[in-house]
Amino acid sequence: MRRVIGYVFLLVGAFALVAAAVSGFWGRDAAAKFPLNVDSRTVLEGTASGAQAKSDVPVRVKYVNVTKADPKASTDDVVVLIEQACVVVQDGKPAPDCPNPKTDPRAVNISKSAYALDRTTAEPVKDQAKYVGEEFATEGMSGYVAKFPFGTERHDYEYWDDTLGKSVVATYVDDVEVRGVKTYQFEVSIPATEVTLDEGESEGTEDDTMGTYEGAQTIYVEPTTGQYIDQTGSQTAIAGDTTVIDIEVSYTDETVAKNAKDAKANIAKLNLIGTWIPVGGLVVGLILLLVGLWLVLRGRKPNGGAHAAADDRTLVDA
């Protein structure tokens, strides 16, 4: 019976070692992928002025960004994200996140976009139209959009700016703790640049509204997951002598707290798969193998034991 139990220990120990090896070499990479069930609501608050805000002086605004994954358009390797961003004036009266601009003058700016990201690198895939259609496709899209990479490092990254239609540099600045979460602070600075602020019926026609655009962002990124924890930003767009929009907003306390909570949970999952299971499996596996081997060896009878007993009895009887 002792030998049977020993063989069971040996089998379970070997299985634990295999599980540790698989988790250590493959599990973390498999887990570190952009999820396909994204459904997030990010809220920023601040002030805005200009033609879109219908005010020459800064007024309080709320910026709501809702991002959802499209499971039908996504694949095992690519996630398609649908994003709706709405800026609404806060006049003290209850207002929906995204009111109809035709019926509600509090609507400052409403936009909808879609993009396809590689689930492993979190970077835009080359053939955007294949996943999001011609209406939303931005060819040549590059840099990071919804998050930074898993295992973000202390160096500069390319960061996509939708207004410019190209990526800009996000410069690493410092390590900063936000709500108990270690983050890397990145700064994005966009000098006044001539851009198309509003396209006419056909891109590149005389109906296009040209102007200058400049902006700045400070982004706090949790390095293990690449998630945004906190963010502040400002944008100014001017067409001729008209200020189209001058806005400055930042994540609300509730949004920052939720981001920090989610990041901690995701870090724990990655550490479980990438660290605790491999280490625990290795330790438990080795212990079970040693115990199993000991039980198997203890369960064996000494060589010649049965014959020796018979010989002893013969000598006594003689």
Protein backbone atom coordinates (compact mmCIF):
# COMPACT_ATOMS: atom_id res chain seq x y z
CA MET A 1 0.00 0.00 0.00
CA ARG A 2 2.87 2.31 0.84
CA ARG A 3 4.38 1.79 -2.61
CA VAL A 4 1.00 2.53 -4.29
CA ILE A 5 0.70 5.82 -2.41
CA GLY A 6 4.29 6.60 -3.36
CA TYR A 7 3.56 6.11 -7.06
CA VAL A 8 0.53 8.39 -6.73
CA PHE A 9 2.74 11.08 -5.18
CA LEU A 10 5.26 10.66 -7.99
CA LEU A 11 2.52 11.04 -10.61
CA VAL A 12 1.00 14.12 -8.99
CA GLY A 13 4.44 15.64 -8.43
CA ALA A 14 5.37 15.18 -12.09
CA PHE A 15 2.07 16.78 -13.12
CA ALA A 16 2.74 19.77 -10.81
CA LEU A 17 6.18 20.27 -12.38
CA VAL A 18 4.73 20.16 -15.90
CA ALA A 19 2.01 22.68 -14.92
CA ALA A 20 4.66 24.96 -13.41
CA ALA A 21 6.78 24.78 -16.57
CA VAL A 22 3.82 25.46 -18.88
CA SER A 23 2.61 28.37 -16.74
CA GLY A 24 6.09 29.83 -16.44
CA PHE A 25 7.00 29.68 -20.11
CA TRP A 26 3.59 30.17 -21.73
CA GLY A 27 0.87 31.08 -19.23
CA ARG A 28 1.78 34.71 -18.53
CA ASP A 29 2.15 35.53 -22.23
CA ALA A 30 -1.23 33.93 -22.93
CA ALA A 31 -2.86 35.93 -20.13
CA ALA A 32 -1.22 39.22 -21.13
CA LYS A 33 -3.61 39.92 -24.00
CA PHE A 34 -6.07 42.73 -24.59
CA PRO A 35 -9.46 41.42 -23.33
CA LEU A 36 -12.39 40.88 -25.69
CA ASN A 37 -15.01 41.97 -23.13
CA VAL A 38 -14.05 45.65 -22.86
CA ASP A 39 -16.92 47.86 -21.70
CA SER A 40 -15.58 50.96 -19.97
CA ARG A 41 -16.86 54.41 -19.12
CA THR A 42 -14.23 57.05 -18.44
CA VAL A 43 -15.24 60.47 -17.10
CA LEU A 44 -13.16 63.64 -17.17
CA GLU A 45 -14.14 67.08 -15.91
CA GLY A 46 -12.76 70.55 -16.48
CA THR A 47 -13.47 73.71 -18.44
CA ALA A 48 -13.93 74.72 -22.07
CA SER A 49 -14.50 77.86 -24.09
CA GLY A 50 -14.80 78.76 -27.75
CA ALA A 51 -17.36 78.37 -30.52
CA GLN A 52 -18.16 74.73 -29.75
CA ALA A 53 -18.64 75.52 -26.05
CA LYS A 54 -20.77 78.53 -27.05
CA SER A 55 -18.89 80.71 -24.59
CA ASP A 56 -16.00 83.17 -24.73
CA VAL A 57 -15.14 82.41 -21.11
CA PRO A 58 -14.39 78.98 -19.62
CA VAL A 59 -17.46 76.98 -18.58
CA ARG A 60 -17.58 73.70 -16.68
CA VAL A 61 -17.75 70.63 -18.90
CA LYS A 62 -17.88 66.86 -18.54
CA TYR A 63 -16.05 64.63 -21.02
CA VAL A 64 -17.42 61.07 -21.16
CA ASN A 65 -15.64 58.38 -23.15
CA VAL A 66 -17.39 55.03 -23.59
CA THR A 67 -15.31 52.23 -25.13
CA LYS A 68 -16.71 48.81 -26.00
CA ALA A 69 -15.24 45.81 -27.77
CA ASP A 70 -17.03 44.47 -30.83
CA PRO A 71 -16.96 40.68 -30.31
CA LYS A 72 -18.25 39.93 -33.82
CA ALA A 73 -15.52 41.92 -35.55
CA SER A 74 -12.77 40.83 -33.12
CA THR A 75 -10.67 37.68 -33.46
CA ASP A 76 -8.33 35.66 -31.25
CA ASP A 77 -5.50 37.99 -32.25
CA VAL A 78 -7.26 41.32 -32.89
CA VAL A 79 -9.69 43.31 -30.74
CA VAL A 80 -11.99 45.89 -32.36
CA LEU A 81 -12.93 48.81 -30.10
CA ILE A 82 -15.85 51.19 -30.66
CA GLU A 83 -15.38 54.51 -28.91
CA GLN A 84 -17.84 57.36 -28.38
CA ALA A 85 -16.63 60.61 -26.83
CA CYS A 86 -18.96 63.37 -25.71
CA VAL A 87 -18.22 66.79 -24.19
CA VAL A 88 -21.19 68.37 -22.42
CA VAL A 89 -21.55 71.73 -20.66
CA GLN A 90 -22.46 71.39 -16.98
CA ASP A 91 -24.98 74.10 -16.21
CA GLY A 92 -26.18 72.72 -12.88
CA LYS A 93 -29.08 70.83 -14.44
CA PRO A 94 -29.09 67.03 -14.96
CA ALA A 95 -27.67 66.18 -18.37
CA PRO A 96 -27.20 62.86 -20.16
CA ASP A 97 -23.69 61.65 -20.95
CA CYS A 98 -24.22 62.24 -24.64
CA PRO A 99 -27.19 64.47 -25.52
CA ASN A 100 -28.45 65.04 -29.04
CA PRO A 101 -26.63 68.17 -30.32
CA LYS A 102 -29.63 69.05 -32.51
CA THR A 103 -31.95 69.35 -29.52
CA ASP A 104 -29.62 70.05 -26.59
CA PRO A 105 -27.34 73.13 -26.84
CA ARG A 106 -25.21 71.81 -23.96
CA ALA A 107 -23.57 69.32 -26.32
CA VAL A 108 -20.09 70.69 -27.11
CA ASN A 109 -18.55 67.94 -29.18
CA ILE A 110 -19.59 64.39 -30.03
CA SER A 111 -17.43 61.94 -31.92
CA LYS A 112 -17.41 58.25 -32.71
CA SER A 113 -14.44 56.18 -33.78
CA ALA A 114 -13.38 52.57 -34.18
CA TYR A 115 -10.00 50.94 -34.38
CA ALA A 116 -8.49 47.46 -34.37
CA LEU A 117 -5.60 46.59 -32.05
CA ASP A 118 -3.25 43.65 -31.84
CA ARG A 119 -4.27 41.87 -28.64
CA THR A 120 -0.67 41.08 -27.69
CA THR A 121 1.15 44.33 -28.50
CA ALA A 122 -1.86 46.68 -28.05
CA GLU A 123 -0.77 48.51 -31.24
CA PRO A 124 -3.03 49.23 -34.23
CA VAL A 125 -3.04 46.54 -36.92
CA LYS A 126 -2.10 47.56 -40.44
CA ASP A 127 -5.35 46.76 -42.28
CA GLN A 128 -7.83 48.81 -40.23
CA ALA A 129 -10.53 48.75 -42.95
CA LYS A 130 -10.64 44.94 -42.78
CA TYR A 131 -11.89 45.13 -39.20
CA VAL A 132 -13.69 48.47 -38.78
CA GLY A 133 -14.84 49.22 -42.34
CA GLU A 134 -13.96 52.09 -44.66
CA GLU A 135 -16.06 54.60 -42.70
CA PHE A 136 -13.90 54.44 -39.58
CA ALA A 137 -10.61 53.15 -40.96
CA THR A 138 -7.53 55.32 -40.53
CA GLU A 139 -4.76 53.88 -42.62
CA GLY A 140 -1.27 54.34 -41.28
CA MET A 141 -2.53 54.42 -37.70
CA SER A 142 0.40 53.88 -35.34
CA GLY A 143 1.47 54.25 -31.73
CA TYR A 144 -0.57 53.41 -28.65
CA VAL A 145 -4.24 54.30 -28.44
CA ALA A 146 -6.25 52.74 -25.62
CA LYS A 147 -3.37 51.59 -23.41
CA PHE A 148 0.38 51.16 -23.30
CA PRO A 149 2.00 47.72 -23.75
CA PHE A 150 2.08 45.00 -21.13
CA GLY A 151 5.41 45.48 -19.37
CA THR A 152 5.68 49.21 -20.09
CA GLU A 153 9.25 50.42 -19.60
CA ARG A 154 10.89 53.69 -18.63
CA HIS A 155 11.41 55.12 -22.10
CA ASP A 156 9.53 57.16 -24.70
CA TYR A 157 6.66 55.67 -26.73
CA GLU A 158 4.73 56.62 -29.85
CA TYR A 159 1.22 57.82 -28.94
CA TRP A 160 -1.60 58.24 -31.45
CA ASP A 161 -3.27 61.65 -31.79
CA ASP A 162 -6.54 61.48 -33.70
CA THR A 163 -6.72 65.20 -34.50
CA LEU A 164 -3.25 65.26 -36.04
CA GLY A 165 -3.84 61.93 -37.73
CA LYS A 166 -0.41 60.67 -36.72
CA SER A 167 1.54 59.51 -33.70
CA VAL A 168 3.51 61.82 -31.41
CA VAL A 169 6.08 61.15 -28.71
CA ALA A 170 4.99 60.32 -25.16
CA THR A 171 8.05 61.15 -23.06
CA TYR A 172 8.77 59.22 -19.86
CA VAL A 173 9.15 61.64 -16.95
CA ASP A 174 9.11 59.87 -13.58
CA ASP A 175 7.73 57.10 -11.37
CA VAL A 176 4.64 58.30 -9.52
CA GLU A 177 2.34 56.48 -7.09
CA VAL A 178 -1.35 57.05 -7.78
CA ARG A 179 -3.95 55.64 -5.36
CA GLY A 180 -1.51 53.03 -4.11
CA VAL A 181 -0.53 51.97 -7.63
CA LYS A 182 2.96 52.43 -9.05
CA THR A 183 2.75 54.31 -12.36
CA TYR A 184 5.04 55.78 -14.97
CA GLN A 185 4.32 59.41 -15.84
CA PHE A 186 4.43 60.31 -19.54
CA GLU A 187 4.14 63.75 -21.09
CA VAL A 188 2.81 64.53 -24.57
CA SER A 189 3.36 68.00 -26.01
CA ILE A 190 1.95 69.06 -29.40
CA PRO A 191 3.02 72.51 -30.65
CA ALA A 192 0.67 74.62 -32.76
CA THR A 193 0.26 72.69 -36.01
CA GLU A 194 -1.85 73.36 -39.09
CA VAL A 195 -4.50 70.68 -39.50
CA THR A 196 -7.91 70.06 -41.04
CA LEU A 197 -10.34 70.85 -38.23
CA ASP A 198 -13.46 69.92 -40.18
CA GLU A 199 -13.65 68.05 -43.46
CA GLY A 200 -16.10 69.04 -46.18
CA GLU A 201 -18.15 66.60 -48.20
CA SER A 202 -14.97 65.37 -49.89
CA GLU A 203 -11.65 65.15 -48.11
CA GLY A 204 -9.11 67.71 -49.34
CA THR A 205 -11.69 70.05 -50.91
CA GLU A 206 -12.15 73.79 -50.44
CA ASP A 207 -14.96 73.02 -48.01
CA ASP A 208 -12.42 71.78 -45.46
CA THR A 209 -11.95 74.03 -42.43
CA MET A 210 -8.25 74.55 -41.83
CA GLY A 211 -6.75 75.85 -38.62
CA THR A 212 -4.12 75.34 -35.94
CA TYR A 213 -4.19 72.73 -33.22
CA GLU A 214 -2.03 72.32 -30.15
CA GLY A 215 -2.33 70.17 -27.07
CA ALA A 216 -0.68 68.58 -24.06
CA GLN A 217 -1.33 65.45 -22.02
CA THR A 218 0.00 63.91 -18.84
CA ILE A 219 -0.63 60.16 -18.64
CA TYR A 220 -0.02 57.91 -15.63
CA VAL A 221 0.47 54.31 -16.80
CA GLU A 222 0.55 51.19 -14.62
CA PRO A 223 3.59 49.36 -16.10
CA THR A 224 2.61 45.70 -15.60
CA THR A 225 -0.67 45.99 -17.49
CA GLY A 226 -0.13 49.21 -19.47
CA GLN A 227 -3.44 50.57 -18.18
CA TYR A 228 -4.10 54.30 -17.82
CA ILE A 229 -4.66 55.18 -14.16
CA ASP A 230 -4.92 58.96 -14.38
CA GLN A 231 -4.76 61.50 -17.16
CA THR A 232 -5.03 65.25 -17.72
CA GLY A 233 -5.15 66.98 -21.07
CA SER A 234 -5.65 70.26 -22.87
CA GLN A 235 -6.45 71.09 -26.49
CA THR A 236 -6.79 74.33 -28.42
CA ALA A 237 -8.10 74.60 -31.98
CA ILE A 238 -8.24 77.93 -33.80
CA ALA A 239 -9.63 78.63 -37.28
CA GLY A 240 -8.66 82.12 -38.49
CA ASP A 241 -9.66 84.53 -35.75
CA THR A 242 -12.11 82.09 -34.16
CA THR A 243 -11.30 79.85 -31.23
CA VAL A 244 -13.11 76.65 -32.09
CA ILE A 245 -12.38 74.97 -28.75
CA ASP A 246 -10.08 75.59 -25.80
CA ILE A 247 -10.52 72.74 -23.33
CA GLU A 248 -8.70 71.41 -20.27
CA VAL A 249 -9.94 68.28 -18.49
CA SER A 250 -8.73 65.51 -16.17
CA TYR A 251 -9.99 62.16 -14.87
CA THR A 252 -12.50 62.43 -12.03
CA ASP A 253 -11.59 60.97 -8.61
CA GLU A 254 -14.11 58.17 -9.17
CA THR A 255 -12.52 57.23 -12.49
CA VAL A 256 -9.01 57.22 -11.01
CA ALA A 257 -10.17 55.07 -8.08
CA LYS A 258 -11.85 52.56 -10.41
CA ASN A 259 -8.79 52.41 -12.68
CA ALA A 260 -6.53 51.76 -9.70
CA LYS A 261 -8.81 49.01 -8.40
CA ASP A 262 -9.00 47.33 -11.81
CA ALA A 263 -5.23 47.54 -12.27
CA LYS A 264 -4.56 45.90 -8.90
CA ALA A 265 -6.93 43.04 -9.78
CA ASN A 266 -5.31 42.55 -13.19
CA ILE A 267 -1.81 42.62 -11.71
CA ALA A 268 -2.87 39.94 -9.22
CA LYS A 269 -4.15 37.72 -12.04
CA LEU A 270 -0.96 38.10 -14.07
CA ASN A 271 1.19 37.43 -11.00
CA LEU A 272 -0.86 34.34 -10.15
CA ILE A 273 -0.37 32.87 -13.60
CA GLY A 274 3.14 34.12 -14.25
CA THR A 275 4.73 33.82 -10.79
CA TRP A 276 2.79 32.03 -8.07
CA ILE A 277 1.63 29.03 -10.09
CA PRO A 278 5.12 28.34 -11.57
CA VAL A 279 6.91 28.80 -8.21
CA GLY A 280 4.23 26.99 -6.21
CA GLY A 281 4.04 24.19 -8.77
CA LEU A 282 7.82 23.76 -8.70
CA VAL A 283 8.00 23.62 -4.90
CA VAL A 284 4.99 21.33 -4.47
CA GLY A 285 6.10 19.13 -7.36
CA LEU A 286 9.58 18.60 -5.93
CA ILE A 287 8.20 17.84 -2.46
CA LEU A 288 5.73 15.30 -3.84
CA LEU A 289 8.43 13.65 -5.95
CA LEU A 290 10.76 13.31 -2.95
CA VAL A 291 8.00 11.97 -0.68
CA GLY A 292 6.79 9.61 -3.39
CA LEU A 293 10.30 8.31 -4.03
CA TRP A 294 10.82 7.77 -0.30
CA LEU A 295 7.54 5.85 0.02
CA VAL A 296 8.34 3.66 -2.99
CA LEU A 297 11.80 2.79 -1.68
CA ARG A 298 10.50 2.16 1.88
CA GLY A 299 7.84 -0.13 0.49
CA ARG A 300 10.34 -2.52 -1.07
CA LYS A 301 11.27 -5.76 0.85
CA PRO A 302 14.99 -6.47 1.48
CA ASN A 303 16.58 -8.70 -1.15
CA GLY A 304 16.48 -12.38 -0.13
CA GLY A 305 14.26 -11.67 2.84
CA ALA A 306 11.88 -14.63 2.30
CA HIS A 307 14.66 -17.19 1.69
CA ALA A 308 16.61 -16.00 4.72
CA ALA A 309 13.64 -16.63 6.96
CA ALA A 310 13.21 -20.15 5.61
CA ASP A 311 16.90 -20.94 6.11
CA ASP A 312 16.72 -19.78 9.74
CA ARG A 313 13.85 -22.09 10.46
CA THR A 314 15.75 -25.04 8.94
CA LEU A 315 18.79 -24.46 11.12
CA VAL A 316 16.69 -24.33 14.31
CA ASP A 317 14.83 -27.54 13.50
CA ALA A 318 18.10 -29.35 12.88
